[in-house]
Amino acid sequence: MNRKSKRLLSSCFVEELARSIRRYNRNITMDNWFTSIPLDEKLLKIPLNFTVVVTIRENKRENPPELLEL
C-alpha cells in the first residue's frame, strides 16, 4: 500500500465515522495518520454536530504556513 492510498483509506474511514455520529454531539480524536488539512477542511464544510481534535505533523506538505507559526 503506497502513501497516497493510505491517506485515502484513512480519510474514507474518518468520513464514514463522521457520518455515523453526526447527530450525537460526540468528539472524534485523531492522530496524524488519520488527519490531513484537506480532510479537516472537508469536515468543516459539512454541517455536522461534533468536534474534532487532531494532531498534525509539522512536515506535511499541505500545512499552511500560518499553522506552522503557532
PDB file of N, CA and C in Angstrom:
ATOM      1  N   MET A   1       0.841  -1.171   0.000  1.00  0.00           N
ATOM      2  CA  MET A   1       0.000   0.000   0.000  1.00  0.00           C
ATOM      3  C   MET A   1       0.890   1.240   0.000  1.00  0.00           C
ATOM      4  N   ASN A   2       0.692   2.127  -0.954  1.00  0.00           N
ATOM      5  CA  ASN A   2       1.525   3.322  -1.008  1.00  0.00           C
ATOM      6  C   ASN A   2       0.949   4.440  -0.133  1.00  0.00           C
ATOM      7  N   ARG A   3       1.692   5.508  -0.028  1.00  0.00           N
ATOM      8  CA  ARG A   3       1.313   6.611   0.861  1.00  0.00           C
ATOM      9  C   ARG A   3      -0.022   7.232   0.466  1.00  0.00           C
ATOM     10  N   LYS A   4      -0.260   7.411  -0.831  1.00  0.00           N
ATOM     11  CA  LYS A   4      -1.497   8.037  -1.287  1.00  0.00           C
ATOM     12  C   LYS A   4      -2.709   7.168  -0.952  1.00  0.00           C
ATOM     13  N   SER A   5      -2.629   5.866  -1.176  1.00  0.00           N
ATOM     14  CA  SER A   5      -3.769   5.001  -0.857  1.00  0.00           C
ATOM     15  C   SER A   5      -3.990   4.931   0.641  1.00  0.00           C
ATOM     16  N   LYS A   6      -2.931   5.036   1.436  1.00  0.00           N
ATOM     17  CA  LYS A   6      -3.075   5.054   2.892  1.00  0.00           C
ATOM     18  C   LYS A   6      -3.859   6.288   3.317  1.00  0.00           C
ATOM     19  N   ARG A   7      -3.537   7.423   2.713  1.00  0.00           N
ATOM     20  CA  ARG A   7      -4.244   8.660   3.033  1.00  0.00           C
ATOM     21  C   ARG A   7      -5.715   8.550   2.632  1.00  0.00           C
ATOM     22  N   LEU A   8      -5.987   8.005   1.477  1.00  0.00           N
ATOM     23  CA  LEU A   8      -7.363   7.850   1.037  1.00  0.00           C
ATOM     24  C   LEU A   8      -8.123   6.909   1.956  1.00  0.00           C
ATOM     25  N   LEU A   9      -7.499   5.821   2.351  1.00  0.00           N
ATOM     26  CA  LEU A   9      -8.136   4.869   3.248  1.00  0.00           C
ATOM     27  C   LEU A   9      -8.450   5.525   4.584  1.00  0.00           C
ATOM     28  N   SER A  10      -7.526   6.257   5.135  1.00  0.00           N
ATOM     29  CA  SER A  10      -7.763   6.908   6.419  1.00  0.00           C
ATOM     30  C   SER A  10      -8.852   7.972   6.298  1.00  0.00           C
ATOM     31  N   SER A  11      -8.845   8.737   5.217  1.00  0.00           N
ATOM     32  CA  SER A  11      -9.886   9.753   5.017  1.00  0.00           C
ATOM     33  C   SER A  11     -11.260   9.118   4.878  1.00  0.00           C
ATOM     34  N   CYS A  12     -11.343   8.035   4.137  1.00  0.00           N
ATOM     35  CA  CYS A  12     -12.623   7.332   3.995  1.00  0.00           C
ATOM     36  C   CYS A  12     -13.127   6.822   5.338  1.00  0.00           C
ATOM     37  N   PHE A  13     -12.226   6.299   6.137  1.00  0.00           N
ATOM     38  CA  PHE A  13     -12.596   5.807   7.458  1.00  0.00           C
ATOM     39  C   PHE A  13     -13.148   6.938   8.329  1.00  0.00           C
ATOM     40  N   VAL A  14     -12.467   8.069   8.347  1.00  0.00           N
ATOM     41  CA  VAL A  14     -12.903   9.210   9.163  1.00  0.00           C
ATOM     42  C   VAL A  14     -14.238   9.757   8.661  1.00  0.00           C
ATOM     43  N   GLU A  15     -14.392   9.883   7.355  1.00  0.00           N
ATOM     44  CA  GLU A  15     -15.648  10.393   6.808  1.00  0.00           C
ATOM     45  C   GLU A  15     -16.812   9.470   7.141  1.00  0.00           C
ATOM     46  N   GLU A  16     -16.603   8.181   7.070  1.00  0.00           N
ATOM     47  CA  GLU A  16     -17.662   7.225   7.430  1.00  0.00           C
ATOM     48  C   GLU A  16     -17.997   7.324   8.914  1.00  0.00           C
ATOM     49  N   LEU A  17     -16.986   7.428   9.751  1.00  0.00           N
ATOM     50  CA  LEU A  17     -17.211   7.596  11.182  1.00  0.00           C
ATOM     51  C   LEU A  17     -17.985   8.882  11.450  1.00  0.00           C
ATOM     52  N   ALA A  18     -17.592   9.962  10.789  1.00  0.00           N
ATOM     53  CA  ALA A  18     -18.265  11.249  10.979  1.00  0.00           C
ATOM     54  C   ALA A  18     -19.733  11.171  10.587  1.00  0.00           C
ATOM     55  N   ARG A  19     -20.029  10.499   9.492  1.00  0.00           N
ATOM     56  CA  ARG A  19     -21.427  10.351   9.078  1.00  0.00           C
ATOM     57  C   ARG A  19     -22.238   9.559  10.096  1.00  0.00           C
ATOM     58  N   SER A  20     -21.616   8.575  10.707  1.00  0.00           N
ATOM     59  CA  SER A  20     -22.357   7.710  11.630  1.00  0.00           C
ATOM     60  C   SER A  20     -22.646   8.372  12.973  1.00  0.00           C
ATOM     61  N   ILE A  21     -21.893   9.418  13.345  1.00  0.00           N
ATOM     62  CA  ILE A  21     -22.118  10.050  14.646  1.00  0.00           C
ATOM     63  C   ILE A  21     -22.574  11.503  14.543  1.00  0.00           C
ATOM     64  N   ARG A  22     -22.896  11.976  13.371  1.00  0.00           N
ATOM     65  CA  ARG A  22     -23.111  13.409  13.163  1.00  0.00           C
ATOM     66  C   ARG A  22     -24.229  14.027  13.990  1.00  0.00           C
ATOM     67  N   ARG A  23     -25.154  13.277  14.496  1.00  0.00           N
ATOM     68  CA  ARG A  23     -26.272  13.856  15.251  1.00  0.00           C
ATOM     69  C   ARG A  23     -26.190  13.598  16.749  1.00  0.00           C
ATOM     70  N   TYR A  24     -25.044  13.169  17.227  1.00  0.00           N
ATOM     71  CA  TYR A  24     -24.971  12.724  18.615  1.00  0.00           C
ATOM     72  C   TYR A  24     -24.053  13.554  19.509  1.00  0.00           C
ATOM     73  N   ASN A  25     -23.648  14.744  19.074  1.00  0.00           N
ATOM     74  CA  ASN A  25     -22.791  15.623  19.881  1.00  0.00           C
ATOM     75  C   ASN A  25     -21.587  14.885  20.451  1.00  0.00           C
ATOM     76  N   ARG A  26     -20.847  14.228  19.611  1.00  0.00           N
ATOM     77  CA  ARG A  26     -19.661  13.459  20.019  1.00  0.00           C
ATOM     78  C   ARG A  26     -18.389  14.171  19.621  1.00  0.00           C
ATOM     79  N   ASN A  27     -17.272  13.592  20.001  1.00  0.00           N
ATOM     80  CA  ASN A  27     -15.960  14.108  19.648  1.00  0.00           C
ATOM     81  C   ASN A  27     -15.164  13.007  18.953  1.00  0.00           C
ATOM     82  N   ILE A  28     -14.442  13.378  17.910  1.00  0.00           N
ATOM     83  CA  ILE A  28     -13.522  12.463  17.244  1.00  0.00           C
ATOM     84  C   ILE A  28     -12.110  12.955  17.555  1.00  0.00           C
ATOM     85  N   THR A  29     -11.278  12.087  18.096  1.00  0.00           N
ATOM     86  CA  THR A  29      -9.885  12.416  18.359  1.00  0.00           C
ATOM     87  C   THR A  29      -9.026  11.574  17.428  1.00  0.00           C
ATOM     88  N   MET A  30      -8.178  12.249  16.635  1.00  0.00           N
ATOM     89  CA  MET A  30      -7.397  11.539  15.623  1.00  0.00           C
ATOM     90  C   MET A  30      -5.919  11.850  15.773  1.00  0.00           C
ATOM     91  N   ASP A  31      -5.096  10.843  15.515  1.00  0.00           N
ATOM     92  CA  ASP A  31      -3.660  11.108  15.445  1.00  0.00           C
ATOM     93  C   ASP A  31      -3.308  11.488  14.013  1.00  0.00           C
ATOM     94  N   ASN A  32      -2.041  11.741  13.761  1.00  0.00           N
ATOM     95  CA  ASN A  32      -1.654  12.286  12.463  1.00  0.00           C
ATOM     96  C   ASN A  32      -1.796  11.313  11.290  1.00  0.00           C
ATOM     97  N   TRP A  33      -1.981  10.046  11.538  1.00  0.00           N
ATOM     98  CA  TRP A  33      -2.186   9.109  10.429  1.00  0.00           C
ATOM     99  C   TRP A  33      -3.574   9.288   9.819  1.00  0.00           C
ATOM    100  N   PHE A  34      -4.525   9.676  10.642  1.00  0.00           N
ATOM    101  CA  PHE A  34      -5.908   9.782  10.184  1.00  0.00           C
ATOM    102  C   PHE A  34      -6.280  11.160   9.670  1.00  0.00           C
ATOM    103  N   THR A  35      -5.498  12.156   9.934  1.00  0.00           N
ATOM    104  CA  THR A  35      -5.922  13.503   9.574  1.00  0.00           C
ATOM    105  C   THR A  35      -5.021  14.145   8.533  1.00  0.00           C
ATOM    106  N   SER A  36      -5.581  15.160   7.897  1.00  0.00           N
ATOM    107  CA  SER A  36      -4.843  15.990   6.954  1.00  0.00           C
ATOM    108  C   SER A  36      -5.608  17.305   6.860  1.00  0.00           C
ATOM    109  N   ILE A  37      -4.951  18.322   6.401  1.00  0.00           N
ATOM    110  CA  ILE A  37      -5.610  19.617   6.248  1.00  0.00           C
ATOM    111  C   ILE A  37      -6.791  19.518   5.274  1.00  0.00           C
ATOM    112  N   PRO A  38      -6.643  18.875   4.105  1.00  0.00           N
ATOM    113  CA  PRO A  38      -7.802  18.758   3.207  1.00  0.00           C
ATOM    114  C   PRO A  38      -8.984  18.014   3.855  1.00  0.00           C
ATOM    115  N   LEU A  39      -8.714  16.975   4.610  1.00  0.00           N
ATOM    116  CA  LEU A  39      -9.800  16.259   5.280  1.00  0.00           C
ATOM    117  C   LEU A  39     -10.460  17.153   6.321  1.00  0.00           C
ATOM    118  N   ASP A  40      -9.662  17.867   7.101  1.00  0.00           N
ATOM    119  CA  ASP A  40     -10.216  18.767   8.118  1.00  0.00           C
ATOM    120  C   ASP A  40     -11.087  19.843   7.478  1.00  0.00           C
ATOM    121  N   GLU A  41     -10.622  20.400   6.374  1.00  0.00           N
ATOM    122  CA  GLU A  41     -11.414  21.416   5.676  1.00  0.00           C
ATOM    123  C   GLU A  41     -12.715  20.823   5.144  1.00  0.00           C
ATOM    124  N   LYS A  42     -12.654  19.607   4.661  1.00  0.00           N
ATOM    125  CA  LYS A  42     -13.857  18.945   4.149  1.00  0.00           C
ATOM    126  C   LYS A  42     -14.867  18.722   5.278  1.00  0.00           C
ATOM    127  N   LEU A  43     -14.396  18.293   6.429  1.00  0.00           N
ATOM    128  CA  LEU A  43     -15.289  18.071   7.569  1.00  0.00           C
ATOM    129  C   LEU A  43     -15.912  19.374   8.058  1.00  0.00           C
ATOM    130  N   LEU A  44     -15.153  20.476   7.980  1.00  0.00           N
ATOM    131  CA  LEU A  44     -15.687  21.767   8.416  1.00  0.00           C
ATOM    132  C   LEU A  44     -16.823  22.268   7.530  1.00  0.00           C
ATOM    133  N   LYS A  45     -16.829  21.884   6.265  1.00  0.00           N
ATOM    134  CA  LYS A  45     -17.861  22.342   5.330  1.00  0.00           C
ATOM    135  C   LYS A  45     -19.185  21.597   5.498  1.00  0.00           C
ATOM    136  N   ILE A  46     -19.148  20.442   6.121  1.00  0.00           N
ATOM    137  CA  ILE A  46     -20.347  19.627   6.297  1.00  0.00           C
ATOM    138  C   ILE A  46     -20.994  20.014   7.623  1.00  0.00           C
ATOM    139  N   PRO A  47     -22.301  20.302   7.630  1.00  0.00           N
ATOM    140  CA  PRO A  47     -22.952  20.668   8.893  1.00  0.00           C
ATOM    141  C   PRO A  47     -23.118  19.454   9.816  1.00  0.00           C
ATOM    142  N   LEU A  48     -22.078  19.158  10.552  1.00  0.00           N
ATOM    143  CA  LEU A  48     -22.096  18.013  11.459  1.00  0.00           C
ATOM    144  C   LEU A  48     -22.100  18.509  12.893  1.00  0.00           C
ATOM    145  N   ASN A  49     -22.641  17.718  13.776  1.00  0.00           N
ATOM    146  CA  ASN A  49     -22.804  18.143  15.156  1.00  0.00           C
ATOM    147  C   ASN A  49     -21.800  17.425  16.053  1.00  0.00           C
ATOM    148  N   PHE A  50     -20.504  17.610  15.781  1.00  0.00           N
ATOM    149  CA  PHE A  50     -19.467  17.000  16.603  1.00  0.00           C
ATOM    150  C   PHE A  50     -18.205  17.844  16.529  1.00  0.00           C
ATOM    151  N   THR A  51     -17.268  17.560  17.393  1.00  0.00           N
ATOM    152  CA  THR A  51     -15.986  18.249  17.375  1.00  0.00           C
ATOM    153  C   THR A  51     -14.888  17.272  16.981  1.00  0.00           C
ATOM    154  N   VAL A  52     -13.783  17.826  16.526  1.00  0.00           N
ATOM    155  CA  VAL A  52     -12.645  17.009  16.119  1.00  0.00           C
ATOM    156  C   VAL A  52     -11.388  17.578  16.770  1.00  0.00           C
ATOM    157  N   VAL A  53     -10.593  16.704  17.379  1.00  0.00           N
ATOM    158  CA  VAL A  53      -9.298  17.070  17.939  1.00  0.00           C
ATOM    159  C   VAL A  53      -8.263  16.252  17.184  1.00  0.00           C
ATOM    160  N   VAL A  54      -7.238  16.929  16.649  1.00  0.00           N
ATOM    161  CA  VAL A  54      -6.259  16.235  15.810  1.00  0.00           C
ATOM    162  C   VAL A  54      -4.836  16.581  16.210  1.00  0.00           C
ATOM    163  N   THR A  55      -3.920  15.717  15.821  1.00  0.00           N
ATOM    164  CA  THR A  55      -2.502  16.054  15.841  1.00  0.00           C
ATOM    165  C   THR A  55      -2.046  16.085  14.391  1.00  0.00           C
ATOM    166  N   ILE A  56      -1.190  17.029  14.087  1.00  0.00           N
ATOM    167  CA  ILE A  56      -0.713  17.188  12.709  1.00  0.00           C
ATOM    168  C   ILE A  56       0.806  17.266  12.741  1.00  0.00           C
ATOM    169  N   ARG A  57       1.442  16.535  11.867  1.00  0.00           N
ATOM    170  CA  ARG A  57       2.898  16.609  11.762  1.00  0.00           C
ATOM    171  C   ARG A  57       3.309  17.921  11.130  1.00  0.00           C
ATOM    172  N   GLU A  58       4.386  18.482  11.634  1.00  0.00           N
ATOM    173  CA  GLU A  58       4.872  19.762  11.106  1.00  0.00           C
ATOM    174  C   GLU A  58       5.336  19.666   9.658  1.00  0.00           C
ATOM    175  N   ASN A  59       5.824  18.516   9.246  1.00  0.00           N
ATOM    176  CA  ASN A  59       6.442  18.398   7.926  1.00  0.00           C
ATOM    177  C   ASN A  59       5.481  17.988   6.816  1.00  0.00           C
ATOM    178  N   LYS A  60       4.179  18.010   7.047  1.00  0.00           N
ATOM    179  CA  LYS A  60       3.246  17.681   5.966  1.00  0.00           C
ATOM    180  C   LYS A  60       3.200  18.822   4.961  1.00  0.00           C
ATOM    181  N   ARG A  61       3.221  18.475   3.701  1.00  0.00           N
ATOM    182  CA  ARG A  61       3.263  19.480   2.633  1.00  0.00           C
ATOM    183  C   ARG A  61       2.036  20.380   2.605  1.00  0.00           C
ATOM    184  N   GLU A  62       0.885  19.832   2.946  1.00  0.00           N
ATOM    185  CA  GLU A  62      -0.341  20.620   2.825  1.00  0.00           C
ATOM    186  C   GLU A  62      -0.570  21.590   3.973  1.00  0.00           C
ATOM    187  N   ASN A  63       0.308  21.585   4.978  1.00  0.00           N
ATOM    188  CA  ASN A  63       0.160  22.516   6.094  1.00  0.00           C
ATOM    189  C   ASN A  63       0.315  23.951   5.633  1.00  0.00           C
ATOM    190  N   PRO A  64      -0.621  24.804   5.992  1.00  0.00           N
ATOM    191  CA  PRO A  64      -0.463  26.223   5.628  1.00  0.00           C
ATOM    192  C   PRO A  64       0.615  26.861   6.503  1.00  0.00           C
ATOM    193  N   PRO A  65       1.330  27.843   6.001  1.00  0.00           N
ATOM    194  CA  PRO A  65       2.392  28.482   6.758  1.00  0.00           C
ATOM    195  C   PRO A  65       1.894  29.083   8.079  1.00  0.00           C
ATOM    196  N   GLU A  66       0.643  29.569   8.092  1.00  0.00           N
ATOM    197  CA  GLU A  66       0.079  30.158   9.309  1.00  0.00           C
ATOM    198  C   GLU A  66       0.026  29.154  10.445  1.00  0.00           C
ATOM    199  N   LEU A  67      -0.202  27.902  10.137  1.00  0.00           N
ATOM    200  CA  LEU A  67      -0.290  26.872  11.148  1.00  0.00           C
ATOM    201  C   LEU A  67       1.079  26.612  11.776  1.00  0.00           C
ATOM    202  N   LEU A  68       2.115  26.710  10.982  1.00  0.00           N
ATOM    203  CA  LEU A  68       3.464  26.445  11.482  1.00  0.00           C
ATOM    204  C   LEU A  68       4.003  27.581  12.339  1.00  0.00           C
ATOM    205  N   GLU A  69       3.415  28.761  12.244  1.00  0.00           N
ATOM    206  CA  GLU A  69       3.864  29.902  13.029  1.00  0.00           C
ATOM    207  C   GLU A  69       3.370  29.853  14.466  1.00  0.00           C
ATOM    208  N   LEU A  70       2.431  28.996  14.775  1.00  0.00           N
ATOM    209  CA  LEU A  70       1.855  28.949  16.130  1.00  0.00           C
ATOM    210  C   LEU A  70       2.798  28.426  17.148  1.00  0.00           C
TER     211      LEU A  70
END
